[in-house]
């Protein structure tokens, strides 16, 4: 019988040789992948209740409003307010805007006295709000069945004219009170009067004592007579319906009354805070 010379234990010629026996294989080296492995998934944070989220938004909005308003008032302590919402309304209605900023030192002293006599005789003594006048105005308005007269001080009017819009409503009144406190604290009386006499509407599309003086009397606010200053002050409550030149009826009588009270303001020192 022929001997097997292939050494394959009887395997047929050409058959594949068996590989090494199977066993545990070594793990591949993954050291070069250190630092980029998959991170464990963190559980999502539970959402806050909708009520708490709304309170958070309101708090952030209120904080932003306080910071912006304080910043604006501080800026206008040194820089003339460039524009107001009332001026924007005149532009939209086609009236245009005429204004020229002048410092208080270049406005005749009787103009400030006329404003105090006409609008706010306690200007130098109150802290922004004349509570007696407010109470009296509320009583008169209640008796009249409609709003006949307001109790706003020059400080309140300045806050409204510079930072807010015309018109009523409790929301605007609340904002007016806030800005009144700010300007009384940051500006002081002299600056309040200076801004007031430069942004108050003195005619249709006319703003400030300087523009009003040039419109009505063809002269600067520094050269006004007592009667002329009183006539401009008489226009302030209703500048779109009254005129300081050739005034008639109530405007004429009101102007004469203001001119007479200017002397009282000067004599009693009611303008001491703006001298």
C-alpha atoms as a PDB file:
ATOM      1  CA  UNK A   1       0.000   0.000   0.000  1.00  0.00           C
ATOM      2  CA  UNK A   2       1.573   3.358  -1.009  1.00  0.00           C
ATOM      3  CA  UNK A   3       2.602   5.747   1.796  1.00  0.00           C
ATOM      4  CA  UNK A   4       1.192   9.220   2.269  1.00  0.00           C
ATOM      5  CA  UNK A   5       4.031  11.629   1.424  1.00  0.00           C
ATOM      6  CA  UNK A   6       2.072  14.899   1.473  1.00  0.00           C
ATOM      7  CA  UNK A   7       2.213  15.287   5.273  1.00  0.00           C
ATOM      8  CA  UNK A   8      -1.363  16.509   5.316  1.00  0.00           C
ATOM      9  CA  UNK A   9      -2.806  13.626   7.184  1.00  0.00           C
ATOM     10  CA  UNK A  10      -4.619  12.258   4.263  1.00  0.00           C
ATOM     11  CA  UNK A  11      -5.886  15.481   2.741  1.00  0.00           C
ATOM     12  CA  UNK A  12      -6.409  15.468  -0.937  1.00  0.00           C
ATOM     13  CA  UNK A  13      -3.831  17.252  -3.038  1.00  0.00           C
ATOM     14  CA  UNK A  14      -4.686  20.956  -3.553  1.00  0.00           C
ATOM     15  CA  UNK A  15      -6.964  21.214  -0.508  1.00  0.00           C
ATOM     16  CA  UNK A  16      -6.474  24.398   1.692  1.00  0.00           C
ATOM     17  CA  UNK A  17      -4.394  23.990   4.711  1.00  0.00           C
ATOM     18  CA  UNK A  18      -6.170  24.457   8.012  1.00  0.00           C
ATOM     19  CA  UNK A  19      -5.314  27.739   9.825  1.00  0.00           C
ATOM     20  CA  UNK A  20      -4.154  28.099  13.389  1.00  0.00           C
ATOM     21  CA  UNK A  21      -6.638  27.090  16.009  1.00  0.00           C
ATOM     22  CA  UNK A  22      -9.266  29.757  16.928  1.00  0.00           C
ATOM     23  CA  UNK A  23      -8.839  31.617  20.245  1.00  0.00           C
ATOM     24  CA  UNK A  24      -9.276  35.070  21.916  1.00  0.00           C
ATOM     25  CA  UNK A  25      -8.039  37.880  19.724  1.00  0.00           C
ATOM     26  CA  UNK A  26      -6.299  41.015  21.158  1.00  0.00           C
ATOM     27  CA  UNK A  27      -8.313  44.284  21.151  1.00  0.00           C
ATOM     28  CA  UNK A  28      -7.131  46.972  18.704  1.00  0.00           C
ATOM     29  CA  UNK A  29      -5.086  49.857  20.096  1.00  0.00           C
ATOM     30  CA  UNK A  30      -7.474  52.878  20.290  1.00  0.00           C
ATOM     31  CA  UNK A  31      -5.146  55.132  22.194  1.00  0.00           C
ATOM     32  CA  UNK A  32      -5.011  57.613  19.326  1.00  0.00           C
ATOM     33  CA  UNK A  33      -8.729  58.236  19.774  1.00  0.00           C
ATOM     34  CA  UNK A  34      -8.437  59.444  23.366  1.00  0.00           C
ATOM     35  CA  UNK A  35     -10.267  62.729  23.989  1.00  0.00           C
ATOM     36  CA  UNK A  36     -12.762  62.322  21.183  1.00  0.00           C
ATOM     37  CA  UNK A  37     -14.827  59.597  22.575  1.00  0.00           C
ATOM     38  CA  UNK A  38     -18.558  59.749  22.855  1.00  0.00           C
ATOM     39  CA  UNK A  39     -19.674  61.666  25.934  1.00  0.00           C
ATOM     40  CA  UNK A  40     -22.497  60.390  28.022  1.00  0.00           C
ATOM     41  CA  UNK A  41     -25.835  61.992  27.243  1.00  0.00           C
ATOM     42  CA  UNK A  42     -26.900  64.361  30.044  1.00  0.00           C
ATOM     43  CA  UNK A  43     -30.541  64.303  31.031  1.00  0.00           C
ATOM     44  CA  UNK A  44     -32.520  67.369  29.922  1.00  0.00           C
ATOM     45  CA  UNK A  45     -33.217  69.967  32.596  1.00  0.00           C
ATOM     46  CA  UNK A  46     -36.844  70.218  33.565  1.00  0.00           C
ATOM     47  CA  UNK A  47     -38.549  73.374  32.173  1.00  0.00           C
ATOM     48  CA  UNK A  48     -39.641  76.008  34.643  1.00  0.00           C
ATOM     49  CA  UNK A  49     -43.369  76.530  35.047  1.00  0.00           C
ATOM     50  CA  UNK A  50     -44.805  79.073  32.613  1.00  0.00           C
ATOM     51  CA  UNK A  51     -45.689  81.419  35.471  1.00  0.00           C
ATOM     52  CA  UNK A  52     -42.079  81.606  36.659  1.00  0.00           C
ATOM     53  CA  UNK A  53     -40.852  82.148  33.117  1.00  0.00           C
ATOM     54  CA  UNK A  54     -43.277  85.041  32.596  1.00  0.00           C
ATOM     55  CA  UNK A  55     -42.153  86.612  35.871  1.00  0.00           C
ATOM     56  CA  UNK A  56     -38.556  86.260  34.732  1.00  0.00           C
ATOM     57  CA  UNK A  57     -39.279  87.979  31.424  1.00  0.00           C
ATOM     58  CA  UNK A  58     -41.138  90.773  33.189  1.00  0.00           C
ATOM     59  CA  UNK A  59     -38.274  91.284  35.625  1.00  0.00           C
ATOM     60  CA  UNK A  60     -35.700  91.438  32.836  1.00  0.00           C
ATOM     61  CA  UNK A  61     -37.881  93.862  30.857  1.00  0.00           C
ATOM     62  CA  UNK A  62     -38.375  96.109  33.885  1.00  0.00           C
ATOM     63  CA  UNK A  63     -34.663  96.075  34.659  1.00  0.00           C
ATOM     64  CA  UNK A  64     -33.820  96.983  31.056  1.00  0.00           C
ATOM     65  CA  UNK A  65     -36.342  99.833  31.140  1.00  0.00           C
ATOM     66  CA  UNK A  66     -34.880 101.233  34.377  1.00  0.00           C
ATOM     67  CA  UNK A  67     -31.332 101.102  33.040  1.00  0.00           C
ATOM     68  CA  UNK A  68     -32.250 102.689  29.692  1.00  0.00           C
ATOM     69  CA  UNK A  69     -34.380 105.433  31.261  1.00  0.00           C
ATOM     70  CA  UNK A  70     -31.730 106.345  33.822  1.00  0.00           C
ATOM     71  CA  UNK A  71     -29.135 106.397  31.059  1.00  0.00           C
ATOM     72  CA  UNK A  72     -31.242 108.701  28.871  1.00  0.00           C
ATOM     73  CA  UNK A  73     -31.985 111.115  31.705  1.00  0.00           C
ATOM     74  CA  UNK A  74     -28.307 111.206  32.645  1.00  0.00           C
ATOM     75  CA  UNK A  75     -27.314 111.889  29.036  1.00  0.00           C
ATOM     76  CA  UNK A  76     -29.830 114.730  28.690  1.00  0.00           C
ATOM     77  CA  UNK A  77     -28.424 116.287  31.835  1.00  0.00           C
ATOM     78  CA  UNK A  78     -25.573 117.428  29.605  1.00  0.00           C
ATOM     79  CA  UNK A  79     -26.868 117.087  26.023  1.00  0.00           C
ATOM     80  CA  UNK A  80     -29.938 118.864  24.570  1.00  0.00           C
ATOM     81  CA  UNK A  81     -32.728 116.391  23.732  1.00  0.00           C
ATOM     82  CA  UNK A  82     -32.538 116.187  19.946  1.00  0.00           C
ATOM     83  CA  UNK A  83     -36.134 115.220  19.198  1.00  0.00           C
ATOM     84  CA  UNK A  84     -39.435 114.333  20.859  1.00  0.00           C
ATOM     85  CA  UNK A  85     -42.460 112.241  19.986  1.00  0.00           C
ATOM     86  CA  UNK A  86     -44.581 115.395  19.798  1.00  0.00           C
ATOM     87  CA  UNK A  87     -42.235 116.811  17.163  1.00  0.00           C
ATOM     88  CA  UNK A  88     -42.482 113.543  15.248  1.00  0.00           C
ATOM     89  CA  UNK A  89     -46.265 113.888  15.257  1.00  0.00           C
ATOM     90  CA  UNK A  90     -46.009 117.354  13.708  1.00  0.00           C
ATOM     91  CA  UNK A  91     -43.775 115.987  10.966  1.00  0.00           C
ATOM     92  CA  UNK A  92     -46.207 113.151  10.192  1.00  0.00           C
ATOM     93  CA  UNK A  93     -49.099 115.623   9.940  1.00  0.00           C
ATOM     94  CA  UNK A  94     -47.144 117.859   7.574  1.00  0.00           C
ATOM     95  CA  UNK A  95     -46.562 120.810   9.899  1.00  0.00           C
ATOM     96  CA  UNK A  96     -42.792 120.519  10.112  1.00  0.00           C
ATOM     97  CA  UNK A  97     -40.719 121.478  13.142  1.00  0.00           C
ATOM     98  CA  UNK A  98     -39.059 124.791  13.969  1.00  0.00           C
ATOM     99  CA  UNK A  99     -36.799 124.870  17.003  1.00  0.00           C
ATOM    100  CA  UNK A 100     -33.535 126.303  18.222  1.00  0.00           C
ATOM    101  CA  UNK A 101     -31.872 125.358  21.479  1.00  0.00           C
ATOM    102  CA  UNK A 102     -30.559 128.221  23.595  1.00  0.00           C
ATOM    103  CA  UNK A 103     -29.176 127.979  27.141  1.00  0.00           C
ATOM    104  CA  UNK A 104     -31.221 129.393  29.989  1.00  0.00           C
ATOM    105  CA  UNK A 105     -28.683 132.177  30.452  1.00  0.00           C
ATOM    106  CA  UNK A 106     -29.657 133.534  27.002  1.00  0.00           C
ATOM    107  CA  UNK A 107     -33.402 133.517  27.669  1.00  0.00           C
ATOM    108  CA  UNK A 108     -34.882 136.604  29.313  1.00  0.00           C
ATOM    109  CA  UNK A 109     -35.495 135.980  33.002  1.00  0.00           C
ATOM    110  CA  UNK A 110     -39.106 137.107  32.610  1.00  0.00           C
ATOM    111  CA  UNK A 111     -39.746 134.122  30.336  1.00  0.00           C
ATOM    112  CA  UNK A 112     -38.955 131.685  33.158  1.00  0.00           C
ATOM    113  CA  UNK A 113     -40.958 133.848  35.571  1.00  0.00           C
ATOM    114  CA  UNK A 114     -43.885 133.854  33.150  1.00  0.00           C
ATOM    115  CA  UNK A 115     -43.786 130.052  32.950  1.00  0.00           C
ATOM    116  CA  UNK A 116     -43.763 129.804  36.740  1.00  0.00           C
ATOM    117  CA  UNK A 117     -46.593 132.340  37.046  1.00  0.00           C
ATOM    118  CA  UNK A 118     -48.716 130.576  34.449  1.00  0.00           C
ATOM    119  CA  UNK A 119     -47.965 126.901  34.966  1.00  0.00           C
ATOM    120  CA  UNK A 120     -46.419 126.183  38.354  1.00  0.00           C
ATOM    121  CA  UNK A 121     -46.093 128.821  41.063  1.00  0.00           C
ATOM    122  CA  UNK A 122     -44.575 126.242  43.461  1.00  0.00           C
ATOM    123  CA  UNK A 123     -41.932 125.085  40.989  1.00  0.00           C
ATOM    124  CA  UNK A 124     -38.968 125.945  43.209  1.00  0.00           C
ATOM    125  CA  UNK A 125     -40.460 124.469  46.373  1.00  0.00           C
ATOM    126  CA  UNK A 126     -41.960 121.115  45.356  1.00  0.00           C
ATOM    127  CA  UNK A 127     -40.144 117.879  44.555  1.00  0.00           C
ATOM    128  CA  UNK A 128     -41.775 117.397  41.179  1.00  0.00           C
ATOM    129  CA  UNK A 129     -45.403 117.035  42.246  1.00  0.00           C
ATOM    130  CA  UNK A 130     -47.704 119.718  43.612  1.00  0.00           C
ATOM    131  CA  UNK A 131     -50.111 117.551  45.582  1.00  0.00           C
ATOM    132  CA  UNK A 132     -52.374 120.444  46.551  1.00  0.00           C
ATOM    133  CA  UNK A 133     -52.821 121.417  42.898  1.00  0.00           C
ATOM    134  CA  UNK A 134     -53.388 117.803  41.894  1.00  0.00           C
ATOM    135  CA  UNK A 135     -56.099 117.392  44.543  1.00  0.00           C
ATOM    136  CA  UNK A 136     -57.734 120.680  43.550  1.00  0.00           C
ATOM    137  CA  UNK A 137     -57.680 119.705  39.865  1.00  0.00           C
ATOM    138  CA  UNK A 138     -59.232 116.316  40.641  1.00  0.00           C
ATOM    139  CA  UNK A 139     -61.995 118.037  42.602  1.00  0.00           C
ATOM    140  CA  UNK A 140     -62.725 120.553  39.834  1.00  0.00           C
ATOM    141  CA  UNK A 141     -62.704 117.868  37.179  1.00  0.00           C
ATOM    142  CA  UNK A 142     -65.057 115.683  39.219  1.00  0.00           C
ATOM    143  CA  UNK A 143     -67.469 118.545  39.701  1.00  0.00           C
ATOM    144  CA  UNK A 144     -67.353 119.415  36.011  1.00  0.00           C
ATOM    145  CA  UNK A 145     -68.075 115.857  34.905  1.00  0.00           C
ATOM    146  CA  UNK A 146     -65.062 115.849  32.587  1.00  0.00           C
ATOM    147  CA  UNK A 147     -61.385 116.730  32.599  1.00  0.00           C
ATOM    148  CA  UNK A 148     -61.285 120.505  32.689  1.00  0.00           C
ATOM    149  CA  UNK A 149     -57.829 121.205  34.000  1.00  0.00           C
ATOM    150  CA  UNK A 150     -54.801 119.198  35.015  1.00  0.00           C
ATOM    151  CA  UNK A 151     -52.496 119.587  37.989  1.00  0.00           C
ATOM    152  CA  UNK A 152     -49.215 118.866  36.212  1.00  0.00           C
ATOM    153  CA  UNK A 153     -46.141 120.759  37.325  1.00  0.00           C
ATOM    154  CA  UNK A 154     -43.446 122.097  35.014  1.00  0.00           C
ATOM    155  CA  UNK A 155     -41.369 119.062  35.995  1.00  0.00           C
ATOM    156  CA  UNK A 156     -44.151 116.679  34.961  1.00  0.00           C
ATOM    157  CA  UNK A 157     -44.725 118.543  31.705  1.00  0.00           C
ATOM    158  CA  UNK A 158     -41.009 118.424  30.917  1.00  0.00           C
ATOM    159  CA  UNK A 159     -40.876 114.678  31.602  1.00  0.00           C
ATOM    160  CA  UNK A 160     -43.852 114.151  29.293  1.00  0.00           C
ATOM    161  CA  UNK A 161     -42.583 116.461  26.547  1.00  0.00           C
ATOM    162  CA  UNK A 162     -39.099 114.945  26.406  1.00  0.00           C
ATOM    163  CA  UNK A 163     -39.637 111.231  27.003  1.00  0.00           C
ATOM    164  CA  UNK A 164     -43.300 110.436  26.321  1.00  0.00           C
ATOM    165  CA  UNK A 165     -46.268 111.197  24.102  1.00  0.00           C
ATOM    166  CA  UNK A 166     -49.189 113.568  24.500  1.00  0.00           C
ATOM    167  CA  UNK A 167     -52.500 112.326  25.797  1.00  0.00           C
ATOM    168  CA  UNK A 168     -53.832 110.799  28.970  1.00  0.00           C
ATOM    169  CA  UNK A 169     -54.170 107.342  30.390  1.00  0.00           C
ATOM    170  CA  UNK A 170     -52.960 105.796  33.633  1.00  0.00           C
ATOM    171  CA  UNK A 171     -50.038 104.011  31.983  1.00  0.00           C
ATOM    172  CA  UNK A 172     -48.601 107.219  30.533  1.00  0.00           C
ATOM    173  CA  UNK A 173     -49.206 109.000  33.829  1.00  0.00           C
ATOM    174  CA  UNK A 174     -47.251 106.285  35.640  1.00  0.00           C
ATOM    175  CA  UNK A 175     -44.347 106.662  33.213  1.00  0.00           C
ATOM    176  CA  UNK A 176     -44.555 110.450  33.585  1.00  0.00           C
ATOM    177  CA  UNK A 177     -44.274 110.121  37.363  1.00  0.00           C
ATOM    178  CA  UNK A 178     -41.211 107.880  36.991  1.00  0.00           C
ATOM    179  CA  UNK A 179     -39.424 110.274  34.654  1.00  0.00           C
ATOM    180  CA  UNK A 180     -40.403 113.218  36.861  1.00  0.00           C
ATOM    181  CA  UNK A 181     -38.636 111.604  39.813  1.00  0.00           C
ATOM    182  CA  UNK A 182     -35.586 110.949  37.645  1.00  0.00           C
ATOM    183  CA  UNK A 183     -35.211 114.480  36.279  1.00  0.00           C
ATOM    184  CA  UNK A 184     -35.820 116.030  39.701  1.00  0.00           C
ATOM    185  CA  UNK A 185     -33.052 113.800  41.083  1.00  0.00           C
ATOM    186  CA  UNK A 186     -30.531 113.934  38.230  1.00  0.00           C
ATOM    187  CA  UNK A 187     -31.160 117.292  36.538  1.00  0.00           C
ATOM    188  CA  UNK A 188     -32.241 119.722  39.222  1.00  0.00           C
ATOM    189  CA  UNK A 189     -34.558 122.709  38.865  1.00  0.00           C
ATOM    190  CA  UNK A 190     -32.425 124.942  36.671  1.00  0.00           C
ATOM    191  CA  UNK A 191     -31.856 122.228  34.069  1.00  0.00           C
ATOM    192  CA  UNK A 192     -35.547 121.284  34.132  1.00  0.00           C
ATOM    193  CA  UNK A 193     -36.532 124.879  33.375  1.00  0.00           C
ATOM    194  CA  UNK A 194     -33.900 125.127  30.650  1.00  0.00           C
ATOM    195  CA  UNK A 195     -35.172 121.985  28.917  1.00  0.00           C
ATOM    196  CA  UNK A 196     -38.798 123.021  29.389  1.00  0.00           C
ATOM    197  CA  UNK A 197     -38.271 126.405  27.727  1.00  0.00           C
ATOM    198  CA  UNK A 198     -36.589 124.679  24.792  1.00  0.00           C
ATOM    199  CA  UNK A 199     -38.969 121.779  24.101  1.00  0.00           C
ATOM    200  CA  UNK A 200     -42.391 123.169  25.106  1.00  0.00           C
ATOM    201  CA  UNK A 201     -44.651 123.707  22.102  1.00  0.00           C
ATOM    202  CA  UNK A 202     -45.224 127.431  21.543  1.00  0.00           C
ATOM    203  CA  UNK A 203     -47.201 127.169  18.303  1.00  0.00           C
ATOM    204  CA  UNK A 204     -48.054 124.730  15.548  1.00  0.00           C
ATOM    205  CA  UNK A 205     -44.744 123.056  14.729  1.00  0.00           C
ATOM    206  CA  UNK A 206     -42.895 125.616  16.868  1.00  0.00           C
ATOM    207  CA  UNK A 207     -40.909 124.478  19.890  1.00  0.00           C
ATOM    208  CA  UNK A 208     -39.156 126.457  22.576  1.00  0.00           C
ATOM    209  CA  UNK A 209     -39.068 130.053  23.698  1.00  0.00           C
ATOM    210  CA  UNK A 210     -36.487 131.032  21.097  1.00  0.00           C
ATOM    211  CA  UNK A 211     -38.504 129.740  18.138  1.00  0.00           C
ATOM    212  CA  UNK A 212     -41.687 131.185  19.624  1.00  0.00           C
ATOM    213  CA  UNK A 213     -40.131 134.613  20.139  1.00  0.00           C
ATOM    214  CA  UNK A 214     -38.883 134.692  16.555  1.00  0.00           C
ATOM    215  CA  UNK A 215     -42.220 133.479  15.196  1.00  0.00           C
ATOM    216  CA  UNK A 216     -44.380 135.993  17.058  1.00  0.00           C
ATOM    217  CA  UNK A 217     -42.119 138.976  17.763  1.00  0.00           C
ATOM    218  CA  UNK A 218     -39.232 138.654  15.261  1.00  0.00           C
ATOM    219  CA  UNK A 219     -36.628 138.692  18.022  1.00  0.00           C
ATOM    220  CA  UNK A 220     -34.667 136.269  20.174  1.00  0.00           C
ATOM    221  CA  UNK A 221     -35.867 134.988  23.530  1.00  0.00           C
ATOM    222  CA  UNK A 222     -33.188 137.026  25.244  1.00  0.00           C
ATOM    223  CA  UNK A 223     -34.834 140.298  24.172  1.00  0.00           C
ATOM    224  CA  UNK A 224     -38.440 139.664  25.170  1.00  0.00           C
ATOM    225  CA  UNK A 225     -40.389 142.242  27.107  1.00  0.00           C
ATOM    226  CA  UNK A 226     -42.447 141.220  30.118  1.00  0.00           C
ATOM    227  CA  UNK A 227     -45.681 141.435  28.111  1.00  0.00           C
ATOM    228  CA  UNK A 228     -44.239 139.333  25.270  1.00  0.00           C
ATOM    229  CA  UNK A 229     -42.995 136.660  27.660  1.00  0.00           C
ATOM    230  CA  UNK A 230     -46.451 136.581  29.248  1.00  0.00           C
ATOM    231  CA  UNK A 231     -48.125 136.139  25.858  1.00  0.00           C
ATOM    232  CA  UNK A 232     -45.904 133.182  24.991  1.00  0.00           C
ATOM    233  CA  UNK A 233     -46.681 131.636  28.387  1.00  0.00           C
ATOM    234  CA  UNK A 234     -50.398 132.129  27.707  1.00  0.00           C
ATOM    235  CA  UNK A 235     -50.039 129.990  24.570  1.00  0.00           C
ATOM    236  CA  UNK A 236     -48.400 127.023  26.351  1.00  0.00           C
ATOM    237  CA  UNK A 237     -51.556 125.165  27.472  1.00  0.00           C
ATOM    238  CA  UNK A 238     -53.058 125.087  23.947  1.00  0.00           C
ATOM    239  CA  UNK A 239     -50.281 125.962  21.486  1.00  0.00           C
ATOM    240  CA  UNK A 240     -52.144 124.666  18.432  1.00  0.00           C
ATOM    241  CA  UNK A 241     -55.205 126.826  19.133  1.00  0.00           C
ATOM    242  CA  UNK A 242     -53.708 130.044  20.523  1.00  0.00           C
ATOM    243  CA  UNK A 243     -51.355 132.685  19.143  1.00  0.00           C
ATOM    244  CA  UNK A 244     -49.222 135.226  20.982  1.00  0.00           C
ATOM    245  CA  UNK A 245     -49.641 137.946  18.364  1.00  0.00           C
ATOM    246  CA  UNK A 246     -52.821 140.027  18.539  1.00  0.00           C
ATOM    247  CA  UNK A 247     -54.379 137.703  21.118  1.00  0.00           C
ATOM    248  CA  UNK A 248     -58.127 137.901  21.618  1.00  0.00           C
ATOM    249  CA  UNK A 249     -60.589 136.941  24.302  1.00  0.00           C
ATOM    250  CA  UNK A 250     -59.312 134.539  26.922  1.00  0.00           C
ATOM    251  CA  UNK A 251     -55.752 134.441  25.557  1.00  0.00           C
ATOM    252  CA  UNK A 252     -55.454 138.229  25.847  1.00  0.00           C
ATOM    253  CA  UNK A 253     -56.902 138.314  29.361  1.00  0.00           C
ATOM    254  CA  UNK A 254     -54.784 135.352  30.453  1.00  0.00           C
ATOM    255  CA  UNK A 255     -51.638 136.988  29.068  1.00  0.00           C
ATOM    256  CA  UNK A 256     -52.380 140.198  30.957  1.00  0.00           C
ATOM    257  CA  UNK A 257     -52.911 138.214  34.153  1.00  0.00           C
ATOM    258  CA  UNK A 258     -49.594 136.408  33.707  1.00  0.00           C
ATOM    259  CA  UNK A 259     -47.783 139.707  33.077  1.00  0.00           C
ATOM    260  CA  UNK A 260     -49.140 141.049  36.368  1.00  0.00           C
ATOM    261  CA  UNK A 261     -48.049 137.906  38.260  1.00  0.00           C
ATOM    262  CA  UNK A 262     -44.501 138.010  36.863  1.00  0.00           C
ATOM    263  CA  UNK A 263     -43.764 140.847  39.271  1.00  0.00           C
ATOM    264  CA  UNK A 264     -45.096 138.744  42.162  1.00  0.00           C
ATOM    265  CA  UNK A 265     -42.859 135.835  41.162  1.00  0.00           C
ATOM    266  CA  UNK A 266     -39.846 138.126  41.115  1.00  0.00           C
ATOM    267  CA  UNK A 267     -40.732 139.936  44.333  1.00  0.00           C
ATOM    268  CA  UNK A 268     -41.443 136.763  46.345  1.00  0.00           C
ATOM    269  CA  UNK A 269     -38.429 134.878  45.001  1.00  0.00           C
ATOM    270  CA  UNK A 270     -40.519 132.134  43.439  1.00  0.00           C
ATOM    271  CA  UNK A 271     -37.904 131.882  40.683  1.00  0.00           C
ATOM    272  CA  UNK A 272     -34.907 131.630  43.028  1.00  0.00           C
ATOM    273  CA  UNK A 273     -34.040 128.086  41.884  1.00  0.00           C
ATOM    274  CA  UNK A 274     -33.492 129.147  38.271  1.00  0.00           C
ATOM    275  CA  UNK A 275     -31.583 132.392  38.700  1.00  0.00           C
END
